[in-house]
Protein backbone atom coordinates (compact mmCIF):
# COMPACT_ATOMS: atom_id res chain seq x y z
CA UNK A 1 -116.88 115.25 -85.52
CA UNK A 2 -119.57 116.81 -87.65
CA UNK A 3 -119.42 120.47 -88.66
CA UNK A 4 -122.69 122.41 -88.30
CA UNK A 5 -122.31 123.68 -91.87
CA UNK A 6 -121.75 120.19 -93.23
CA UNK A 7 -124.84 118.51 -91.82
CA UNK A 8 -128.00 120.45 -91.02
CA UNK A 9 -130.72 118.52 -89.27
CA UNK A 10 -133.94 120.42 -88.79
CA UNK A 11 -137.18 118.57 -88.36
CA UNK A 12 -139.92 121.15 -88.56
CA UNK A 13 -143.15 119.60 -87.33
CA UNK A 14 -141.80 116.00 -87.21
CA UNK A 15 -143.04 114.99 -83.73
CA UNK A 16 -146.48 116.53 -84.09
CA UNK A 17 -146.94 115.08 -87.56
CA UNK A 18 -145.84 111.59 -86.58
CA UNK A 19 -148.13 111.65 -83.54
CA UNK A 20 -151.12 112.55 -85.76
CA UNK A 21 -150.14 110.03 -88.40
CA UNK A 22 -149.82 107.20 -85.87
CA UNK A 23 -153.20 108.10 -84.41
CA UNK A 24 -154.76 107.98 -87.89
CA UNK A 25 -153.01 104.69 -88.67
CA UNK A 26 -154.24 103.04 -85.49
CA UNK A 27 -157.78 104.44 -85.69
CA UNK A 28 -158.38 104.16 -89.46
CA UNK A 29 -155.66 101.88 -90.83
CA UNK A 30 -154.07 104.56 -93.00
CA UNK A 31 -152.01 107.74 -92.55
CA UNK A 32 -150.46 110.25 -94.92
CA UNK A 33 -147.52 112.58 -94.38
CA UNK A 34 -146.29 115.17 -96.87
CA UNK A 35 -142.57 115.93 -96.61
CA UNK A 36 -141.28 119.11 -98.30
CA UNK A 37 -137.49 119.44 -98.50
CA UNK A 38 -136.13 122.96 -98.26
CA UNK A 39 -132.37 123.04 -98.84
CA UNK A 40 -131.93 126.09 -96.64
CA UNK A 41 -133.85 125.06 -93.51
CA UNK A 42 -134.38 121.33 -93.86
CA UNK A 43 -137.45 119.08 -94.19
CA UNK A 44 -140.98 120.20 -93.32
CA UNK A 45 -143.38 117.49 -92.24
CA UNK A 46 -147.14 118.07 -92.72
CA UNK A 47 -149.90 115.65 -91.85
CA UNK A 48 -152.43 115.18 -94.65
CA UNK A 49 -156.02 114.74 -93.42
CA UNK A 50 -157.56 111.46 -94.51
CA UNK A 51 -160.67 113.23 -95.79
CA UNK A 52 -158.47 114.97 -98.38
CA UNK A 53 -156.64 111.80 -99.44
CA UNK A 54 -157.60 109.44 -102.26
CA UNK A 55 -155.84 106.15 -102.99
CA UNK A 56 -155.78 104.63 -106.45
CA UNK A 57 -155.32 100.85 -106.73
CA UNK A 58 -153.89 99.01 -109.72
CA UNK A 59 -155.27 95.90 -111.36
CA UNK A 60 -153.63 93.63 -108.74
CA UNK A 61 -154.93 95.65 -105.77
CA UNK A 62 -151.71 97.41 -104.91
CA UNK A 63 -151.53 101.14 -104.24
CA UNK A 64 -150.28 102.90 -107.38
CA UNK A 65 -151.50 106.45 -106.78
CA UNK A 66 -152.11 108.75 -103.84
CA UNK A 67 -153.49 112.21 -104.40
CA UNK A 68 -154.91 115.02 -102.29
CA UNK A 69 -157.86 117.25 -103.01
CA UNK A 70 -158.23 120.44 -101.05
CA UNK A 71 -159.40 124.01 -101.50
CA UNK A 72 -157.28 127.16 -101.48
CA UNK A 73 -158.34 130.71 -100.97
CA UNK A 74 -157.73 133.18 -103.79
CA UNK A 75 -154.98 134.89 -101.79
CA UNK A 76 -153.10 131.61 -101.39
CA UNK A 77 -153.20 130.95 -105.14
CA UNK A 78 -152.10 134.45 -106.09
CA UNK A 79 -149.26 134.56 -103.57
CA UNK A 80 -147.75 131.23 -104.67
CA UNK A 81 -144.83 132.09 -107.03
CA UNK A 82 -144.44 128.43 -108.16
CA UNK A 83 -147.74 128.45 -110.04
C-alpha cells in the first residue's frame, strides 16, 4: 500500500508532449523534451520545437551538447525571479 503523501505522481503535460515528440521523431528523426521537476507538484513535460534546438557533436560524431535558442518578451524576463 502506498500513501498519497509518500509518493506523488503528477505528469503535467506528459501525454501531449510525448505525442508531439514521437511525431517529430518519426517525421524528422529527432525530438526534444524538457522536463522540469517541481517538488511540490511533480514533473512538468514541455516539448521543445526543433527550430529552437541546436545539437553540438564532438570529434567522434557523438552528441555532446544540446541547447535551445528562443526569444522572451520583456515581461517574461522581468517576472522571472530566478534571473
